[in-house]
Amino acid sequence: MGSPRGVTGELNFYTEVHREGLTIIGAHNSLRPRVDSHKWWRTARDDWILALKLISRGRVNVRRLASVKLEYRYAAEAYRLLIEEKHRTLGVVLDWTE
């Protein structure tokens, strides 16, 4: 995933792709359908629904993505951590419960 520009390195397609039987699929978000999904082409909404289902069913563990949990009153601190201490802070959960 991504959209690199320019040369990204040497790749021997025979030994690293063809011989291994790999399939490479390119993707550009601007080419996705805006409203209707069809085979092999899903909308961003479809992806969000799938991601939330996988998380809710425990198929994708997102607990390790949150480095810190703070009360919502400390949102400014959360942003500070994400900006200034990004080497230690992957994600912050803001707790909105009273």
PDB file of N, CA and C in Angstrom:
ATOM      1  N   MET A   1       0.848  -1.170   0.000  1.00  0.00           N
ATOM      2  CA  MET A   1       0.000   0.000   0.000  1.00  0.00           C
ATOM      3  C   MET A   1       0.892   1.231   0.000  1.00  0.00           C
ATOM      4  N   GLY A   2       0.400   2.249  -0.581  1.00  0.00           N
ATOM      5  CA  GLY A   2       1.147   3.491  -0.614  1.00  0.00           C
ATOM      6  C   GLY A   2       1.211   4.022  -2.023  1.00  0.00           C
ATOM      7  N   SER A   3       1.877   5.099  -2.160  1.00  0.00           N
ATOM      8  CA  SER A   3       2.008   5.719  -3.476  1.00  0.00           C
ATOM      9  C   SER A   3       3.403   6.312  -3.598  1.00  0.00           C
ATOM     10  N   PRO A   4       4.416   5.437  -3.693  1.00  0.00           N
ATOM     11  CA  PRO A   4       5.785   5.956  -3.772  1.00  0.00           C
ATOM     12  C   PRO A   4       6.040   6.648  -5.099  1.00  0.00           C
ATOM     13  N   ARG A   5       6.929   7.597  -5.063  1.00  0.00           N
ATOM     14  CA  ARG A   5       7.332   8.307  -6.275  1.00  0.00           C
ATOM     15  C   ARG A   5       8.781   7.970  -6.582  1.00  0.00           C
ATOM     16  N   GLY A   6       9.112   7.870  -7.831  1.00  0.00           N
ATOM     17  CA  GLY A   6      10.494   7.625  -8.218  1.00  0.00           C
ATOM     18  C   GLY A   6      10.908   6.186  -7.979  1.00  0.00           C
ATOM     19  N   VAL A   7      12.196   5.958  -8.004  1.00  0.00           N
ATOM     20  CA  VAL A   7      12.763   4.627  -7.828  1.00  0.00           C
ATOM     21  C   VAL A   7      12.683   4.232  -6.356  1.00  0.00           C
ATOM     22  N   THR A   8      12.175   3.032  -6.105  1.00  0.00           N
ATOM     23  CA  THR A   8      12.053   2.569  -4.722  1.00  0.00           C
ATOM     24  C   THR A   8      13.013   1.442  -4.402  1.00  0.00           C
ATOM     25  N   GLY A   9      13.846   1.082  -5.342  1.00  0.00           N
ATOM     26  CA  GLY A   9      14.816   0.015  -5.093  1.00  0.00           C
ATOM     27  C   GLY A   9      14.810  -0.989  -6.225  1.00  0.00           C
ATOM     28  N   GLU A  10      15.705  -1.916  -6.148  1.00  0.00           N
ATOM     29  CA  GLU A  10      15.813  -2.956  -7.160  1.00  0.00           C
ATOM     30  C   GLU A  10      14.880  -4.109  -6.814  1.00  0.00           C
ATOM     31  N   LEU A  11      14.154  -4.595  -7.808  1.00  0.00           N
ATOM     32  CA  LEU A  11      13.273  -5.737  -7.615  1.00  0.00           C
ATOM     33  C   LEU A  11      13.420  -6.648  -8.810  1.00  0.00           C
ATOM     34  N   ASN A  12      13.830  -7.876  -8.559  1.00  0.00           N
ATOM     35  CA  ASN A  12      13.927  -8.858  -9.621  1.00  0.00           C
ATOM     36  C   ASN A  12      12.581  -9.575  -9.687  1.00  0.00           C
ATOM     37  N   PHE A  13      11.752  -9.199 -10.659  1.00  0.00           N
ATOM     38  CA  PHE A  13      10.410  -9.752 -10.729  1.00  0.00           C
ATOM     39  C   PHE A  13      10.395 -11.264 -10.909  1.00  0.00           C
ATOM     40  N   TYR A  14      11.410 -11.814 -11.577  1.00  0.00           N
ATOM     41  CA  TYR A  14      11.395 -13.260 -11.753  1.00  0.00           C
ATOM     42  C   TYR A  14      11.596 -13.974 -10.416  1.00  0.00           C
ATOM     43  N   THR A  15      12.664 -13.652  -9.712  1.00  0.00           N
ATOM     44  CA  THR A  15      12.967 -14.397  -8.485  1.00  0.00           C
ATOM     45  C   THR A  15      12.084 -13.998  -7.304  1.00  0.00           C
ATOM     46  N   GLU A  16      11.689 -12.739  -7.252  1.00  0.00           N
ATOM     47  CA  GLU A  16      10.957 -12.275  -6.071  1.00  0.00           C
ATOM     48  C   GLU A  16       9.438 -12.265  -6.233  1.00  0.00           C
ATOM     49  N   VAL A  17       8.963 -12.341  -7.478  1.00  0.00           N
ATOM     50  CA  VAL A  17       7.520 -12.301  -7.697  1.00  0.00           C
ATOM     51  C   VAL A  17       7.059 -13.526  -8.482  1.00  0.00           C
ATOM     52  N   HIS A  18       7.518 -13.668  -9.713  1.00  0.00           N
ATOM     53  CA  HIS A  18       7.048 -14.727 -10.606  1.00  0.00           C
ATOM     54  C   HIS A  18       7.318 -16.115 -10.029  1.00  0.00           C
ATOM     55  N   ARG A  19       8.560 -16.396  -9.666  1.00  0.00           N
ATOM     56  CA  ARG A  19       8.926 -17.717  -9.153  1.00  0.00           C
ATOM     57  C   ARG A  19       8.206 -18.029  -7.847  1.00  0.00           C
ATOM     58  N   GLU A  20       7.946 -17.017  -7.043  1.00  0.00           N
ATOM     59  CA  GLU A  20       7.248 -17.216  -5.768  1.00  0.00           C
ATOM     60  C   GLU A  20       5.742 -17.337  -5.947  1.00  0.00           C
ATOM     61  N   GLY A  21       5.254 -17.030  -7.150  1.00  0.00           N
ATOM     62  CA  GLY A  21       3.816 -17.117  -7.403  1.00  0.00           C
ATOM     63  C   GLY A  21       3.016 -16.019  -6.738  1.00  0.00           C
ATOM     64  N   LEU A  22       3.627 -14.868  -6.566  1.00  0.00           N
ATOM     65  CA  LEU A  22       2.940 -13.759  -5.902  1.00  0.00           C
ATOM     66  C   LEU A  22       2.056 -12.995  -6.871  1.00  0.00           C
ATOM     67  N   THR A  23       1.060 -12.368  -6.354  1.00  0.00           N
ATOM     68  CA  THR A  23       0.194 -11.482  -7.118  1.00  0.00           C
ATOM     69  C   THR A  23       0.356 -10.079  -6.555  1.00  0.00           C
ATOM     70  N   ILE A  24       0.584  -9.133  -7.417  1.00  0.00           N
ATOM     71  CA  ILE A  24       0.703  -7.737  -7.005  1.00  0.00           C
ATOM     72  C   ILE A  24      -0.530  -7.000  -7.501  1.00  0.00           C
ATOM     73  N   ILE A  25      -1.177  -6.320  -6.588  1.00  0.00           N
ATOM     74  CA  ILE A  25      -2.374  -5.556  -6.938  1.00  0.00           C
ATOM     75  C   ILE A  25      -2.112  -4.099  -6.606  1.00  0.00           C
ATOM     76  N   GLY A  26      -2.211  -3.261  -7.596  1.00  0.00           N
ATOM     77  CA  GLY A  26      -2.048  -1.832  -7.368  1.00  0.00           C
ATOM     78  C   GLY A  26      -3.368  -1.219  -6.941  1.00  0.00           C
ATOM     79  N   ALA A  27      -3.294  -0.167  -6.177  1.00  0.00           N
ATOM     80  CA  ALA A  27      -4.516   0.481  -5.703  1.00  0.00           C
ATOM     81  C   ALA A  27      -4.309   1.982  -5.641  1.00  0.00           C
ATOM     82  N   HIS A  28      -5.286   2.682  -6.076  1.00  0.00           N
ATOM     83  CA  HIS A  28      -5.296   4.134  -5.933  1.00  0.00           C
ATOM     84  C   HIS A  28      -6.674   4.513  -5.428  1.00  0.00           C
ATOM     85  N   ASN A  29      -6.715   5.180  -4.301  1.00  0.00           N
ATOM     86  CA  ASN A  29      -7.992   5.523  -3.697  1.00  0.00           C
ATOM     87  C   ASN A  29      -8.885   6.333  -4.634  1.00  0.00           C
ATOM     88  N   SER A  30      -8.289   7.148  -5.485  1.00  0.00           N
ATOM     89  CA  SER A  30      -9.097   7.974  -6.387  1.00  0.00           C
ATOM     90  C   SER A  30      -9.829   7.143  -7.436  1.00  0.00           C
ATOM     91  N   LEU A  31      -9.451   5.883  -7.619  1.00  0.00           N
ATOM     92  CA  LEU A  31     -10.099   5.021  -8.598  1.00  0.00           C
ATOM     93  C   LEU A  31     -11.250   4.224  -8.002  1.00  0.00           C
ATOM     94  N   ARG A  32     -11.429   4.323  -6.700  1.00  0.00           N
ATOM     95  CA  ARG A  32     -12.489   3.556  -6.038  1.00  0.00           C
ATOM     96  C   ARG A  32     -13.850   4.126  -6.375  1.00  0.00           C
ATOM     97  N   PRO A  33     -14.879   3.271  -6.430  1.00  0.00           N
ATOM     98  CA  PRO A  33     -16.232   3.780  -6.663  1.00  0.00           C
ATOM     99  C   PRO A  33     -16.686   4.627  -5.483  1.00  0.00           C
ATOM    100  N   ARG A  34     -17.408   5.680  -5.758  1.00  0.00           N
ATOM    101  CA  ARG A  34     -17.864   6.578  -4.694  1.00  0.00           C
ATOM    102  C   ARG A  34     -19.117   6.045  -3.994  1.00  0.00           C
ATOM    103  N   VAL A  35     -19.998   5.378  -4.745  1.00  0.00           N
ATOM    104  CA  VAL A  35     -21.284   4.995  -4.182  1.00  0.00           C
ATOM    105  C   VAL A  35     -21.492   3.483  -4.169  1.00  0.00           C
ATOM    106  N   ASP A  36     -21.499   2.862  -5.314  1.00  0.00           N
ATOM    107  CA  ASP A  36     -21.830   1.444  -5.405  1.00  0.00           C
ATOM    108  C   ASP A  36     -20.596   0.564  -5.465  1.00  0.00           C
ATOM    109  N   SER A  37     -20.625  -0.517  -4.700  1.00  0.00           N
ATOM    110  CA  SER A  37     -19.562  -1.507  -4.762  1.00  0.00           C
ATOM    111  C   SER A  37     -19.905  -2.526  -5.828  1.00  0.00           C
ATOM    112  N   HIS A  38     -18.886  -3.145  -6.373  1.00  0.00           N
ATOM    113  CA  HIS A  38     -19.076  -4.300  -7.233  1.00  0.00           C
ATOM    114  C   HIS A  38     -17.835  -5.160  -7.106  1.00  0.00           C
ATOM    115  N   LYS A  39     -17.818  -6.318  -7.709  1.00  0.00           N
ATOM    116  CA  LYS A  39     -16.733  -7.272  -7.522  1.00  0.00           C
ATOM    117  C   LYS A  39     -15.370  -6.608  -7.659  1.00  0.00           C
ATOM    118  N   TRP A  40     -14.533  -6.790  -6.657  1.00  0.00           N
ATOM    119  CA  TRP A  40     -13.166  -6.288  -6.588  1.00  0.00           C
ATOM    120  C   TRP A  40     -13.077  -4.776  -6.385  1.00  0.00           C
ATOM    121  N   TRP A  41     -14.164  -4.062  -6.359  1.00  0.00           N
ATOM    122  CA  TRP A  41     -14.141  -2.609  -6.175  1.00  0.00           C
ATOM    123  C   TRP A  41     -15.060  -2.262  -5.013  1.00  0.00           C
ATOM    124  N   ARG A  42     -14.474  -1.886  -3.904  1.00  0.00           N
ATOM    125  CA  ARG A  42     -15.247  -1.573  -2.706  1.00  0.00           C
ATOM    126  C   ARG A  42     -15.128  -0.089  -2.394  1.00  0.00           C
ATOM    127  N   THR A  43     -16.180   0.450  -1.820  1.00  0.00           N
ATOM    128  CA  THR A  43     -16.143   1.847  -1.412  1.00  0.00           C
ATOM    129  C   THR A  43     -15.403   1.958  -0.078  1.00  0.00           C
ATOM    130  N   ALA A  44     -15.006   3.172   0.274  1.00  0.00           N
ATOM    131  CA  ALA A  44     -14.354   3.397   1.566  1.00  0.00           C
ATOM    132  C   ALA A  44     -15.308   3.018   2.700  1.00  0.00           C
ATOM    133  N   ARG A  45     -16.593   3.283   2.515  1.00  0.00           N
ATOM    134  CA  ARG A  45     -17.593   2.926   3.533  1.00  0.00           C
ATOM    135  C   ARG A  45     -17.602   1.418   3.748  1.00  0.00           C
ATOM    136  N   ASP A  46     -17.527   0.648   2.660  1.00  0.00           N
ATOM    137  CA  ASP A  46     -17.472  -0.815   2.785  1.00  0.00           C
ATOM    138  C   ASP A  46     -16.273  -1.238   3.639  1.00  0.00           C
ATOM    139  N   ASP A  47     -15.141  -0.595   3.403  1.00  0.00           N
ATOM    140  CA  ASP A  47     -13.930  -0.943   4.152  1.00  0.00           C
ATOM    141  C   ASP A  47     -14.077  -0.609   5.626  1.00  0.00           C
ATOM    142  N   TRP A  48     -14.687   0.537   5.934  1.00  0.00           N
ATOM    143  CA  TRP A  48     -14.895   0.906   7.334  1.00  0.00           C
ATOM    144  C   TRP A  48     -15.817  -0.093   8.023  1.00  0.00           C
ATOM    145  N   ILE A  49     -16.886  -0.487   7.350  1.00  0.00           N
ATOM    146  CA  ILE A  49     -17.824  -1.457   7.930  1.00  0.00           C
ATOM    147  C   ILE A  49     -17.118  -2.778   8.207  1.00  0.00           C
ATOM    148  N   LEU A  50     -16.338  -3.252   7.239  1.00  0.00           N
ATOM    149  CA  LEU A  50     -15.597  -4.494   7.427  1.00  0.00           C
ATOM    150  C   LEU A  50     -14.600  -4.375   8.578  1.00  0.00           C
ATOM    151  N   ALA A  51     -13.854  -3.283   8.625  1.00  0.00           N
ATOM    152  CA  ALA A  51     -12.863  -3.099   9.689  1.00  0.00           C
ATOM    153  C   ALA A  51     -13.532  -3.116  11.060  1.00  0.00           C
ATOM    154  N   LEU A  52     -14.645  -2.415  11.209  1.00  0.00           N
ATOM    155  CA  LEU A  52     -15.345  -2.384  12.502  1.00  0.00           C
ATOM    156  C   LEU A  52     -15.895  -3.750  12.870  1.00  0.00           C
ATOM    157  N   LYS A  53     -16.393  -4.513  11.894  1.00  0.00           N
ATOM    158  CA  LYS A  53     -16.867  -5.875  12.167  1.00  0.00           C
ATOM    159  C   LYS A  53     -15.724  -6.759  12.646  1.00  0.00           C
ATOM    160  N   LEU A  54     -14.582  -6.692  11.964  1.00  0.00           N
ATOM    161  CA  LEU A  54     -13.435  -7.517  12.349  1.00  0.00           C
ATOM    162  C   LEU A  54     -12.940  -7.159  13.743  1.00  0.00           C
ATOM    163  N   ILE A  55     -12.931  -5.871  14.067  1.00  0.00           N
ATOM    164  CA  ILE A  55     -12.508  -5.437  15.402  1.00  0.00           C
ATOM    165  C   ILE A  55     -13.508  -5.917  16.446  1.00  0.00           C
ATOM    166  N   SER A  56     -14.801  -5.740  16.188  1.00  0.00           N
ATOM    167  CA  SER A  56     -15.823  -6.120  17.173  1.00  0.00           C
ATOM    168  C   SER A  56     -15.860  -7.627  17.404  1.00  0.00           C
ATOM    169  N   ARG A  57     -15.488  -8.416  16.404  1.00  0.00           N
ATOM    170  CA  ARG A  57     -15.476  -9.876  16.537  1.00  0.00           C
ATOM    171  C   ARG A  57     -14.151 -10.405  17.079  1.00  0.00           C
ATOM    172  N   GLY A  58     -13.221  -9.495  17.385  1.00  0.00           N
ATOM    173  CA  GLY A  58     -11.943  -9.903  17.932  1.00  0.00           C
ATOM    174  C   GLY A  58     -10.979 -10.479  16.904  1.00  0.00           C
ATOM    175  N   ARG A  59     -11.282 -10.316  15.623  1.00  0.00           N
ATOM    176  CA  ARG A  59     -10.406 -10.851  14.564  1.00  0.00           C
ATOM    177  C   ARG A  59      -9.202  -9.944  14.327  1.00  0.00           C
ATOM    178  N   VAL A  60      -9.337  -8.676  14.681  1.00  0.00           N
ATOM    179  CA  VAL A  60      -8.232  -7.726  14.573  1.00  0.00           C
ATOM    180  C   VAL A  60      -8.044  -7.105  15.952  1.00  0.00           C
ATOM    181  N   ASN A  61      -6.860  -7.263  16.511  1.00  0.00           N
ATOM    182  CA  ASN A  61      -6.580  -6.746  17.844  1.00  0.00           C
ATOM    183  C   ASN A  61      -5.993  -5.341  17.720  1.00  0.00           C
ATOM    184  N   VAL A  62      -6.732  -4.358  18.195  1.00  0.00           N
ATOM    185  CA  VAL A  62      -6.277  -2.973  18.100  1.00  0.00           C
ATOM    186  C   VAL A  62      -5.787  -2.427  19.444  1.00  0.00           C
ATOM    187  N   ARG A  63      -5.827  -3.239  20.477  1.00  0.00           N
ATOM    188  CA  ARG A  63      -5.403  -2.762  21.802  1.00  0.00           C
ATOM    189  C   ARG A  63      -3.968  -2.254  21.791  1.00  0.00           C
ATOM    190  N   ARG A  64      -3.101  -2.928  21.070  1.00  0.00           N
ATOM    191  CA  ARG A  64      -1.693  -2.525  21.056  1.00  0.00           C
ATOM    192  C   ARG A  64      -1.461  -1.231  20.281  1.00  0.00           C
ATOM    193  N   LEU A  65      -2.459  -0.774  19.539  1.00  0.00           N
ATOM    194  CA  LEU A  65      -2.307   0.473  18.798  1.00  0.00           C
ATOM    195  C   LEU A  65      -2.427   1.694  19.696  1.00  0.00           C
ATOM    196  N   ALA A  66      -3.058   1.525  20.838  1.00  0.00           N
ATOM    197  CA  ALA A  66      -3.219   2.637  21.773  1.00  0.00           C
ATOM    198  C   ALA A  66      -2.123   2.581  22.816  1.00  0.00           C
ATOM    199  N   SER A  67      -1.266   3.585  22.817  1.00  0.00           N
ATOM    200  CA  SER A  67      -0.174   3.653  23.783  1.00  0.00           C
ATOM    201  C   SER A  67      -0.633   4.240  25.105  1.00  0.00           C
ATOM    202  N   VAL A  68      -1.649   5.104  25.051  1.00  0.00           N
ATOM    203  CA  VAL A  68      -2.087   5.860  26.224  1.00  0.00           C
ATOM    204  C   VAL A  68      -3.607   5.983  26.205  1.00  0.00           C
ATOM    205  N   LYS A  69      -4.197   5.947  27.394  1.00  0.00           N
ATOM    206  CA  LYS A  69      -5.625   6.229  27.529  1.00  0.00           C
ATOM    207  C   LYS A  69      -5.758   7.403  28.486  1.00  0.00           C
ATOM    208  N   LEU A  70      -6.421   8.461  28.029  1.00  0.00           N
ATOM    209  CA  LEU A  70      -6.574   9.676  28.831  1.00  0.00           C
ATOM    210  C   LEU A  70      -8.038  10.091  28.877  1.00  0.00           C
ATOM    211  N   GLU A  71      -8.407  10.773  29.947  1.00  0.00           N
ATOM    212  CA  GLU A  71      -9.738  11.375  29.982  1.00  0.00           C
ATOM    213  C   GLU A  71      -9.816  12.443  28.898  1.00  0.00           C
ATOM    214  N   TYR A  72     -11.020  12.647  28.364  1.00  0.00           N
ATOM    215  CA  TYR A  72     -11.192  13.610  27.266  1.00  0.00           C
ATOM    216  C   TYR A  72     -10.711  15.009  27.645  1.00  0.00           C
ATOM    217  N   ARG A  73     -10.730  15.323  28.937  1.00  0.00           N
ATOM    218  CA  ARG A  73     -10.279  16.650  29.391  1.00  0.00           C
ATOM    219  C   ARG A  73      -8.808  16.895  29.060  1.00  0.00           C
ATOM    220  N   TYR A  74      -8.073  15.817  28.810  1.00  0.00           N
ATOM    221  CA  TYR A  74      -6.642  15.919  28.527  1.00  0.00           C
ATOM    222  C   TYR A  74      -6.342  15.749  27.039  1.00  0.00           C
ATOM    223  N   ALA A  75      -7.268  16.149  26.202  1.00  0.00           N
ATOM    224  CA  ALA A  75      -7.072  16.026  24.752  1.00  0.00           C
ATOM    225  C   ALA A  75      -5.844  16.795  24.281  1.00  0.00           C
ATOM    226  N   ALA A  76      -5.593  17.964  24.854  1.00  0.00           N
ATOM    227  CA  ALA A  76      -4.414  18.745  24.461  1.00  0.00           C
ATOM    228  C   ALA A  76      -3.131  17.960  24.747  1.00  0.00           C
ATOM    229  N   GLU A  77      -3.094  17.270  25.870  1.00  0.00           N
ATOM    230  CA  GLU A  77      -1.937  16.434  26.208  1.00  0.00           C
ATOM    231  C   GLU A  77      -1.806  15.278  25.215  1.00  0.00           C
ATOM    232  N   ALA A  78      -2.939  14.723  24.808  1.00  0.00           N
ATOM    233  CA  ALA A  78      -2.915  13.637  23.822  1.00  0.00           C
ATOM    234  C   ALA A  78      -2.262  14.109  22.528  1.00  0.00           C
ATOM    235  N   TYR A  79      -2.656  15.266  22.060  1.00  0.00           N
ATOM    236  CA  TYR A  79      -2.051  15.806  20.835  1.00  0.00           C
ATOM    237  C   TYR A  79      -0.569  16.107  21.034  1.00  0.00           C
ATOM    238  N   ARG A  80      -0.211  16.605  22.203  1.00  0.00           N
ATOM    239  CA  ARG A  80       1.199  16.873  22.474  1.00  0.00           C
ATOM    240  C   ARG A  80       2.018  15.582  22.394  1.00  0.00           C
ATOM    241  N   LEU A  81       1.499  14.512  22.982  1.00  0.00           N
ATOM    242  CA  LEU A  81       2.201  13.231  22.940  1.00  0.00           C
ATOM    243  C   LEU A  81       2.362  12.744  21.495  1.00  0.00           C
ATOM    244  N   LEU A  82       1.294  12.863  20.714  1.00  0.00           N
ATOM    245  CA  LEU A  82       1.351  12.395  19.329  1.00  0.00           C
ATOM    246  C   LEU A  82       2.334  13.198  18.488  1.00  0.00           C
ATOM    247  N   ILE A  83       2.474  14.462  18.805  1.00  0.00           N
ATOM    248  CA  ILE A  83       3.368  15.327  18.026  1.00  0.00           C
ATOM    249  C   ILE A  83       4.798  15.271  18.546  1.00  0.00           C
ATOM    250  N   GLU A  84       4.960  15.433  19.844  1.00  0.00           N
ATOM    251  CA  GLU A  84       6.299  15.584  20.411  1.00  0.00           C
ATOM    252  C   GLU A  84       6.950  14.271  20.843  1.00  0.00           C
ATOM    253  N   GLU A  85       6.154  13.256  21.103  1.00  0.00           N
ATOM    254  CA  GLU A  85       6.720  11.994  21.576  1.00  0.00           C
ATOM    255  C   GLU A  85       6.263  10.841  20.685  1.00  0.00           C
ATOM    256  N   LYS A  86       6.301  11.079  19.368  1.00  0.00           N
ATOM    257  CA  LYS A  86       5.803  10.071  18.436  1.00  0.00           C
ATOM    258  C   LYS A  86       6.634   8.797  18.430  1.00  0.00           C
ATOM    259  N   HIS A  87       7.860   8.854  18.906  1.00  0.00           N
ATOM    260  CA  HIS A  87       8.678   7.647  18.998  1.00  0.00           C
ATOM    261  C   HIS A  87       8.156   6.697  20.081  1.00  0.00           C
ATOM    262  N   ARG A  88       7.374   7.226  21.043  1.00  0.00           N
ATOM    263  CA  ARG A  88       6.814   6.398  22.124  1.00  0.00           C
ATOM    264  C   ARG A  88       5.302   6.262  22.052  1.00  0.00           C
ATOM    265  N   THR A  89       4.640   7.110  21.261  1.00  0.00           N
ATOM    266  CA  THR A  89       3.187   7.163  21.270  1.00  0.00           C
ATOM    267  C   THR A  89       2.639   6.819  19.895  1.00  0.00           C
ATOM    268  N   LEU A  90       2.050   5.642  19.779  1.00  0.00           N
ATOM    269  CA  LEU A  90       1.467   5.219  18.520  1.00  0.00           C
ATOM    270  C   LEU A  90       0.035   5.743  18.380  1.00  0.00           C
ATOM    271  N   GLY A  91      -0.725   5.658  19.441  1.00  0.00           N
ATOM    272  CA  GLY A  91      -2.110   6.116  19.411  1.00  0.00           C
ATOM    273  C   GLY A  91      -2.579   6.470  20.812  1.00  0.00           C
ATOM    274  N   VAL A  92      -3.606   7.313  20.858  1.00  0.00           N
ATOM    275  CA  VAL A  92      -4.173   7.731  22.148  1.00  0.00           C
ATOM    276  C   VAL A  92      -5.675   7.511  22.101  1.00  0.00           C
ATOM    277  N   VAL A  93      -6.200   6.933  23.176  1.00  0.00           N
ATOM    278  CA  VAL A  93      -7.643   6.767  23.321  1.00  0.00           C
ATOM    279  C   VAL A  93      -8.117   7.819  24.291  1.00  0.00           C
ATOM    280  N   LEU A  94      -9.126   8.589  23.863  1.00  0.00           N
ATOM    281  CA  LEU A  94      -9.742   9.563  24.763  1.00  0.00           C
ATOM    282  C   LEU A  94     -10.986   8.926  25.380  1.00  0.00           C
ATOM    283  N   ASP A  95     -11.031   8.880  26.698  1.00  0.00           N
ATOM    284  CA  ASP A  95     -12.139   8.284  27.432  1.00  0.00           C
ATOM    285  C   ASP A  95     -13.189   9.349  27.698  1.00  0.00           C
ATOM    286  N   TRP A  96     -14.383   9.152  27.152  1.00  0.00           N
ATOM    287  CA  TRP A  96     -15.455  10.124  27.283  1.00  0.00           C
ATOM    288  C   TRP A  96     -16.441   9.772  28.374  1.00  0.00           C
ATOM    289  N   THR A  97     -16.185   8.701  29.125  1.00  0.00           N
ATOM    290  CA  THR A  97     -17.104   8.341  30.211  1.00  0.00           C
ATOM    291  C   THR A  97     -16.850   9.249  31.398  1.00  0.00           C
ATOM    292  N   GLU A  98     -17.873   9.468  32.158  1.00  0.00           N
ATOM    293  CA  GLU A  98     -17.755  10.309  33.367  1.00  0.00           C
ATOM    294  C   GLU A  98     -17.513   9.461  34.572  1.00  0.00           C
TER     295      GLU A  98
END
